[in-house]
Amino acid sequence: MQKLTNKEEEIMHIIWKLEKAFVKDVMAEIETKKPHYNTLSTIVRNLEEKRYVSHNAYGNTHQYYPLVTKEAYRKKYMASAIQHYFNDSYKNVISFFAKEEKISVEDLKEIINLIEKEQS
């Protein structure tokens, strides 16, 4: 699975949300500065070349749909981020969020309870 650019990832999130979409549908969902239609079309075709999406042809128009699930991408992305930024340690991930005050003691207790339930 090839890495996506930030813009490609943004477009994939829209395609995952819509499940099936023409380029004009994707354009309508973009909330930030909208790219030119041809630029967006090129990004979607790049996603197809990377095998993230495929399409059904209706005459000259294409309706795109995801080949990779959001969950599969998230799993691959998170594994890569943990490997590269946290020395492949989930403990380091949790420690980072605790130091940044992004996770509370209550959240940590809830995580521990979930782990204990899964292991019993």
N, C-alpha and C. Protein backbone atom coordinates (compact mmCIF):
# COMPACT_ATOMS: atom_id res chain seq x y z
N MET A 1 0.85 -1.18 0.00
CA MET A 1 0.00 0.00 0.00
C MET A 1 0.90 1.24 0.00
N GLN A 2 0.81 2.02 -1.08
CA GLN A 2 1.62 3.22 -1.19
C GLN A 2 1.12 4.31 -0.25
N LYS A 3 2.06 5.14 0.20
CA LYS A 3 1.70 6.27 1.06
C LYS A 3 0.94 7.31 0.23
N LEU A 4 -0.03 7.93 0.85
CA LEU A 4 -0.80 8.98 0.19
C LEU A 4 -0.27 10.35 0.58
N THR A 5 -0.39 11.29 -0.35
CA THR A 5 -0.08 12.68 -0.02
C THR A 5 -1.22 13.20 0.86
N ASN A 6 -1.00 14.35 1.48
CA ASN A 6 -2.05 14.94 2.32
C ASN A 6 -3.33 15.18 1.53
N LYS A 7 -3.19 15.68 0.31
CA LYS A 7 -4.36 15.98 -0.53
C LYS A 7 -5.06 14.69 -0.94
N GLU A 8 -4.28 13.66 -1.31
CA GLU A 8 -4.88 12.37 -1.66
C GLU A 8 -5.64 11.78 -0.48
N GLU A 9 -5.06 11.91 0.71
CA GLU A 9 -5.72 11.40 1.90
C GLU A 9 -7.02 12.16 2.16
N GLU A 10 -7.00 13.46 1.98
CA GLU A 10 -8.22 14.27 2.13
C GLU A 10 -9.31 13.79 1.16
N ILE A 11 -8.93 13.53 -0.07
CA ILE A 11 -9.89 13.07 -1.07
C ILE A 11 -10.39 11.67 -0.73
N MET A 12 -9.50 10.81 -0.24
CA MET A 12 -9.92 9.45 0.15
C MET A 12 -10.96 9.51 1.26
N HIS A 13 -10.79 10.41 2.21
CA HIS A 13 -11.77 10.53 3.29
C HIS A 13 -13.15 10.88 2.73
N ILE A 14 -13.17 11.71 1.71
CA ILE A 14 -14.44 12.07 1.07
C ILE A 14 -15.02 10.86 0.35
N ILE A 15 -14.19 10.13 -0.38
CA ILE A 15 -14.68 8.96 -1.11
C ILE A 15 -15.16 7.89 -0.13
N TRP A 16 -14.46 7.69 0.98
CA TRP A 16 -14.93 6.74 1.99
C TRP A 16 -16.29 7.18 2.52
N LYS A 17 -16.43 8.45 2.76
CA LYS A 17 -17.70 8.98 3.29
C LYS A 17 -18.84 8.77 2.29
N LEU A 18 -18.60 9.08 1.03
CA LEU A 18 -19.65 9.00 0.01
C LEU A 18 -19.87 7.57 -0.50
N GLU A 19 -18.86 6.72 -0.38
CA GLU A 19 -18.87 5.33 -0.84
C GLU A 19 -18.79 5.19 -2.36
N LYS A 20 -19.51 5.98 -3.10
CA LYS A 20 -19.43 6.05 -4.56
C LYS A 20 -19.57 7.51 -4.93
N ALA A 21 -18.70 7.98 -5.82
CA ALA A 21 -18.74 9.42 -6.12
C ALA A 21 -18.15 9.74 -7.48
N PHE A 22 -18.78 10.67 -8.15
CA PHE A 22 -18.21 11.29 -9.34
C PHE A 22 -17.29 12.40 -8.86
N VAL A 23 -16.39 12.87 -9.70
CA VAL A 23 -15.47 13.94 -9.31
C VAL A 23 -16.25 15.16 -8.82
N LYS A 24 -17.36 15.48 -9.46
CA LYS A 24 -18.16 16.65 -9.05
C LYS A 24 -18.71 16.46 -7.63
N ASP A 25 -19.02 15.22 -7.25
CA ASP A 25 -19.51 14.94 -5.89
C ASP A 25 -18.39 15.17 -4.87
N VAL A 26 -17.19 14.73 -5.23
CA VAL A 26 -16.03 14.95 -4.35
C VAL A 26 -15.79 16.44 -4.21
N MET A 27 -15.83 17.18 -5.32
CA MET A 27 -15.61 18.63 -5.30
C MET A 27 -16.60 19.31 -4.35
N ALA A 28 -17.84 18.89 -4.38
CA ALA A 28 -18.87 19.51 -3.54
C ALA A 28 -18.60 19.31 -2.05
N GLU A 29 -17.87 18.26 -1.70
CA GLU A 29 -17.58 17.94 -0.30
C GLU A 29 -16.33 18.64 0.24
N ILE A 30 -15.51 19.18 -0.63
CA ILE A 30 -14.27 19.83 -0.19
C ILE A 30 -14.61 21.13 0.50
N GLU A 31 -14.17 21.25 1.76
CA GLU A 31 -14.50 22.43 2.56
C GLU A 31 -13.43 23.50 2.51
N THR A 32 -12.19 23.10 2.25
CA THR A 32 -11.10 24.08 2.16
C THR A 32 -11.10 24.68 0.76
N LYS A 33 -10.01 25.32 0.41
CA LYS A 33 -9.91 25.91 -0.93
C LYS A 33 -10.06 24.81 -1.98
N LYS A 34 -11.06 24.96 -2.83
CA LYS A 34 -11.36 23.95 -3.84
C LYS A 34 -10.33 24.00 -4.98
N PRO A 35 -9.79 22.84 -5.34
CA PRO A 35 -8.86 22.82 -6.47
C PRO A 35 -9.63 22.96 -7.78
N HIS A 36 -8.91 23.21 -8.85
CA HIS A 36 -9.52 23.22 -10.18
C HIS A 36 -10.05 21.81 -10.45
N TYR A 37 -11.13 21.70 -11.19
CA TYR A 37 -11.75 20.40 -11.49
C TYR A 37 -10.74 19.42 -12.08
N ASN A 38 -9.92 19.89 -13.04
CA ASN A 38 -8.93 19.01 -13.67
C ASN A 38 -7.88 18.52 -12.68
N THR A 39 -7.51 19.38 -11.74
CA THR A 39 -6.55 18.99 -10.70
C THR A 39 -7.14 17.89 -9.83
N LEU A 40 -8.39 18.08 -9.43
CA LEU A 40 -9.06 17.07 -8.61
C LEU A 40 -9.19 15.76 -9.37
N SER A 41 -9.53 15.84 -10.63
CA SER A 41 -9.64 14.66 -11.47
C SER A 41 -8.31 13.91 -11.54
N THR A 42 -7.22 14.64 -11.64
CA THR A 42 -5.88 14.05 -11.66
C THR A 42 -5.58 13.35 -10.33
N ILE A 43 -5.94 13.98 -9.23
CA ILE A 43 -5.72 13.38 -7.90
C ILE A 43 -6.48 12.06 -7.79
N VAL A 44 -7.72 12.06 -8.24
CA VAL A 44 -8.53 10.83 -8.18
C VAL A 44 -7.93 9.75 -9.07
N ARG A 45 -7.46 10.12 -10.24
CA ARG A 45 -6.81 9.14 -11.12
C ARG A 45 -5.53 8.60 -10.49
N ASN A 46 -4.80 9.47 -9.78
CA ASN A 46 -3.61 9.01 -9.05
C ASN A 46 -3.98 7.99 -7.98
N LEU A 47 -5.10 8.23 -7.31
CA LEU A 47 -5.59 7.28 -6.31
C LEU A 47 -5.92 5.94 -6.97
N GLU A 48 -6.41 6.02 -8.19
CA GLU A 48 -6.73 4.79 -8.93
C GLU A 48 -5.43 4.07 -9.31
N GLU A 49 -4.43 4.81 -9.74
CA GLU A 49 -3.14 4.20 -10.09
C GLU A 49 -2.50 3.55 -8.87
N LYS A 50 -2.69 4.15 -7.70
CA LYS A 50 -2.15 3.59 -6.46
C LYS A 50 -3.03 2.46 -5.92
N ARG A 51 -4.12 2.18 -6.61
CA ARG A 51 -5.05 1.10 -6.29
C ARG A 51 -5.83 1.32 -4.99
N TYR A 52 -6.12 2.59 -4.70
CA TYR A 52 -6.98 2.93 -3.57
C TYR A 52 -8.44 3.01 -4.00
N VAL A 53 -8.66 3.37 -5.26
CA VAL A 53 -10.01 3.46 -5.80
C VAL A 53 -10.07 2.78 -7.16
N SER A 54 -11.29 2.47 -7.57
CA SER A 54 -11.55 2.02 -8.93
C SER A 54 -12.78 2.77 -9.40
N HIS A 55 -13.26 2.46 -10.60
CA HIS A 55 -14.41 3.21 -11.10
C HIS A 55 -15.33 2.34 -11.94
N ASN A 56 -16.55 2.82 -12.04
CA ASN A 56 -17.52 2.32 -13.01
C ASN A 56 -17.68 3.42 -14.04
N ALA A 57 -17.61 3.05 -15.31
CA ALA A 57 -17.74 4.04 -16.38
C ALA A 57 -19.19 4.14 -16.82
N TYR A 58 -19.64 5.38 -16.97
CA TYR A 58 -20.97 5.70 -17.50
C TYR A 58 -20.74 6.67 -18.65
N GLY A 59 -20.57 6.14 -19.83
CA GLY A 59 -20.22 7.00 -20.96
C GLY A 59 -18.84 7.58 -20.73
N ASN A 60 -18.75 8.90 -20.76
CA ASN A 60 -17.46 9.57 -20.54
C ASN A 60 -17.19 9.91 -19.08
N THR A 61 -18.12 9.60 -18.19
CA THR A 61 -17.93 9.93 -16.78
C THR A 61 -17.63 8.66 -15.99
N HIS A 62 -16.93 8.86 -14.90
CA HIS A 62 -16.54 7.75 -14.04
C HIS A 62 -17.05 7.98 -12.62
N GLN A 63 -17.62 6.92 -12.07
CA GLN A 63 -18.03 6.96 -10.67
C GLN A 63 -17.01 6.13 -9.89
N TYR A 64 -16.35 6.77 -8.94
CA TYR A 64 -15.26 6.13 -8.20
C TYR A 64 -15.77 5.53 -6.90
N TYR A 65 -15.11 4.46 -6.49
CA TYR A 65 -15.43 3.81 -5.22
C TYR A 65 -14.12 3.28 -4.62
N PRO A 66 -14.07 3.18 -3.28
CA PRO A 66 -12.83 2.76 -2.63
C PRO A 66 -12.56 1.27 -2.81
N LEU A 67 -11.29 0.94 -3.00
CA LEU A 67 -10.83 -0.45 -2.99
C LEU A 67 -10.21 -0.80 -1.64
N VAL A 68 -9.72 0.23 -0.95
CA VAL A 68 -9.11 0.07 0.37
C VAL A 68 -10.07 0.65 1.39
N THR A 69 -10.35 -0.10 2.45
CA THR A 69 -11.25 0.42 3.48
C THR A 69 -10.52 1.45 4.34
N LYS A 70 -11.29 2.29 4.95
CA LYS A 70 -10.72 3.29 5.85
C LYS A 70 -10.01 2.60 7.01
N GLU A 71 -10.58 1.50 7.48
CA GLU A 71 -9.99 0.76 8.59
C GLU A 71 -8.64 0.16 8.21
N ALA A 72 -8.54 -0.40 7.01
CA ALA A 72 -7.27 -0.98 6.55
C ALA A 72 -6.21 0.10 6.42
N TYR A 73 -6.60 1.26 5.89
CA TYR A 73 -5.65 2.37 5.75
C TYR A 73 -5.21 2.87 7.11
N ARG A 74 -6.16 3.03 8.02
CA ARG A 74 -5.85 3.52 9.37
C ARG A 74 -4.87 2.57 10.05
N LYS A 75 -5.12 1.27 9.93
CA LYS A 75 -4.25 0.28 10.55
C LYS A 75 -2.82 0.39 10.01
N LYS A 76 -2.68 0.49 8.70
CA LYS A 76 -1.37 0.61 8.06
C LYS A 76 -0.69 1.93 8.45
N TYR A 77 -1.46 3.02 8.42
CA TYR A 77 -0.93 4.35 8.74
C TYR A 77 -0.46 4.40 10.20
N MET A 78 -1.29 3.89 11.10
CA MET A 78 -0.94 3.93 12.52
C MET A 78 0.28 3.06 12.81
N ALA A 79 0.34 1.87 12.20
CA ALA A 79 1.49 0.99 12.41
C ALA A 79 2.77 1.69 11.95
N SER A 80 2.69 2.37 10.81
CA SER A 80 3.85 3.08 10.28
C SER A 80 4.25 4.24 11.19
N ALA A 81 3.28 5.01 11.65
CA ALA A 81 3.56 6.15 12.53
C ALA A 81 4.17 5.68 13.85
N ILE A 82 3.63 4.62 14.41
CA ILE A 82 4.15 4.10 15.68
C ILE A 82 5.57 3.58 15.49
N GLN A 83 5.80 2.92 14.38
CA GLN A 83 7.15 2.41 14.10
C GLN A 83 8.15 3.55 13.94
N HIS A 84 7.79 4.58 13.15
CA HIS A 84 8.73 5.65 12.84
C HIS A 84 8.89 6.70 13.93
N TYR A 85 7.82 6.99 14.67
CA TYR A 85 7.88 8.09 15.64
C TYR A 85 7.94 7.64 17.10
N PHE A 86 7.63 6.37 17.36
CA PHE A 86 7.57 5.91 18.75
C PHE A 86 8.36 4.62 18.96
N ASN A 87 9.35 4.35 18.11
CA ASN A 87 10.21 3.17 18.23
C ASN A 87 9.41 1.88 18.36
N ASP A 88 8.31 1.81 17.61
CA ASP A 88 7.46 0.61 17.58
C ASP A 88 6.91 0.25 18.96
N SER A 89 6.69 1.26 19.80
CA SER A 89 6.24 1.04 21.17
C SER A 89 4.90 1.74 21.43
N TYR A 90 3.88 0.94 21.73
CA TYR A 90 2.58 1.51 22.07
C TYR A 90 2.65 2.22 23.42
N LYS A 91 3.52 1.75 24.29
CA LYS A 91 3.73 2.41 25.58
C LYS A 91 4.22 3.84 25.34
N ASN A 92 5.13 4.01 24.38
CA ASN A 92 5.62 5.35 24.06
C ASN A 92 4.51 6.24 23.49
N VAL A 93 3.59 5.64 22.74
CA VAL A 93 2.45 6.40 22.19
C VAL A 93 1.60 6.94 23.33
N ILE A 94 1.21 6.05 24.25
CA ILE A 94 0.36 6.46 25.37
C ILE A 94 1.09 7.48 26.24
N SER A 95 2.36 7.25 26.47
CA SER A 95 3.17 8.18 27.27
C SER A 95 3.20 9.56 26.61
N PHE A 96 3.36 9.59 25.29
CA PHE A 96 3.36 10.86 24.56
C PHE A 96 2.05 11.61 24.78
N PHE A 97 0.92 10.92 24.62
CA PHE A 97 -0.37 11.59 24.78
C PHE A 97 -0.60 12.02 26.23
N ALA A 98 -0.11 11.26 27.18
CA ALA A 98 -0.24 11.64 28.58
C ALA A 98 0.57 12.91 28.86
N LYS A 99 1.80 12.96 28.34
CA LYS A 99 2.65 14.14 28.55
C LYS A 99 2.06 15.38 27.88
N GLU A 100 1.42 15.18 26.74
CA GLU A 100 0.80 16.29 26.01
C GLU A 100 -0.58 16.65 26.58
N GLU A 101 -0.98 15.93 27.62
CA GLU A 101 -2.29 16.11 28.26
C GLU A 101 -3.43 15.94 27.28
N LYS A 102 -3.27 14.97 26.38
CA LYS A 102 -4.31 14.65 25.39
C LYS A 102 -5.14 13.46 25.85
N ILE A 103 -4.72 12.82 26.95
CA ILE A 103 -5.44 11.67 27.48
C ILE A 103 -5.49 11.82 28.99
N SER A 104 -6.65 11.57 29.57
CA SER A 104 -6.83 11.74 31.01
C SER A 104 -6.59 10.44 31.75
N VAL A 105 -6.46 10.54 33.05
CA VAL A 105 -6.32 9.36 33.90
C VAL A 105 -7.56 8.48 33.75
N GLU A 106 -8.73 9.10 33.65
CA GLU A 106 -9.97 8.34 33.48
C GLU A 106 -9.95 7.56 32.17
N ASP A 107 -9.45 8.19 31.10
CA ASP A 107 -9.33 7.50 29.81
C ASP A 107 -8.38 6.31 29.92
N LEU A 108 -7.25 6.52 30.60
CA LEU A 108 -6.28 5.43 30.78
C LEU A 108 -6.89 4.27 31.57
N LYS A 109 -7.65 4.58 32.61
CA LYS A 109 -8.31 3.53 33.39
C LYS A 109 -9.32 2.78 32.53
N GLU A 110 -10.03 3.49 31.68
CA GLU A 110 -10.99 2.86 30.78
C GLU A 110 -10.28 1.93 29.79
N ILE A 111 -9.14 2.38 29.28
CA ILE A 111 -8.34 1.54 28.36
C ILE A 111 -7.87 0.28 29.07
N ILE A 112 -7.39 0.43 30.30
CA ILE A 112 -6.94 -0.74 31.07
C ILE A 112 -8.10 -1.70 31.28
N ASN A 113 -9.27 -1.18 31.62
CA ASN A 113 -10.45 -2.04 31.81
C ASN A 113 -10.80 -2.79 30.52
N LEU A 114 -10.74 -2.11 29.39
CA LEU A 114 -11.02 -2.75 28.10
C LEU A 114 -10.02 -3.87 27.81
N ILE A 115 -8.76 -3.61 28.08
CA ILE A 115 -7.72 -4.62 27.86
C ILE A 115 -7.94 -5.82 28.78
N GLU A 116 -8.25 -5.54 30.03
CA GLU A 116 -8.48 -6.65 30.97
C GLU A 116 -9.69 -7.48 30.57
N LYS A 117 -10.74 -6.85 30.09
CA LYS A 117 -11.93 -7.59 29.63
C LYS A 117 -11.61 -8.46 28.42
N GLU A 118 -10.78 -7.94 27.49
CA GLU A 118 -10.40 -8.68 26.30
C GLU A 118 -9.54 -9.89 26.65
N GLN A 119 -8.74 -9.78 27.70
CA GLN A 119 -7.82 -10.85 28.06
C GLN A 119 -8.47 -11.93 28.93
N SER A 120 -9.66 -11.64 29.46
CA SER A 120 -10.30 -12.64 30.34
C SER A 120 -11.29 -13.50 29.59
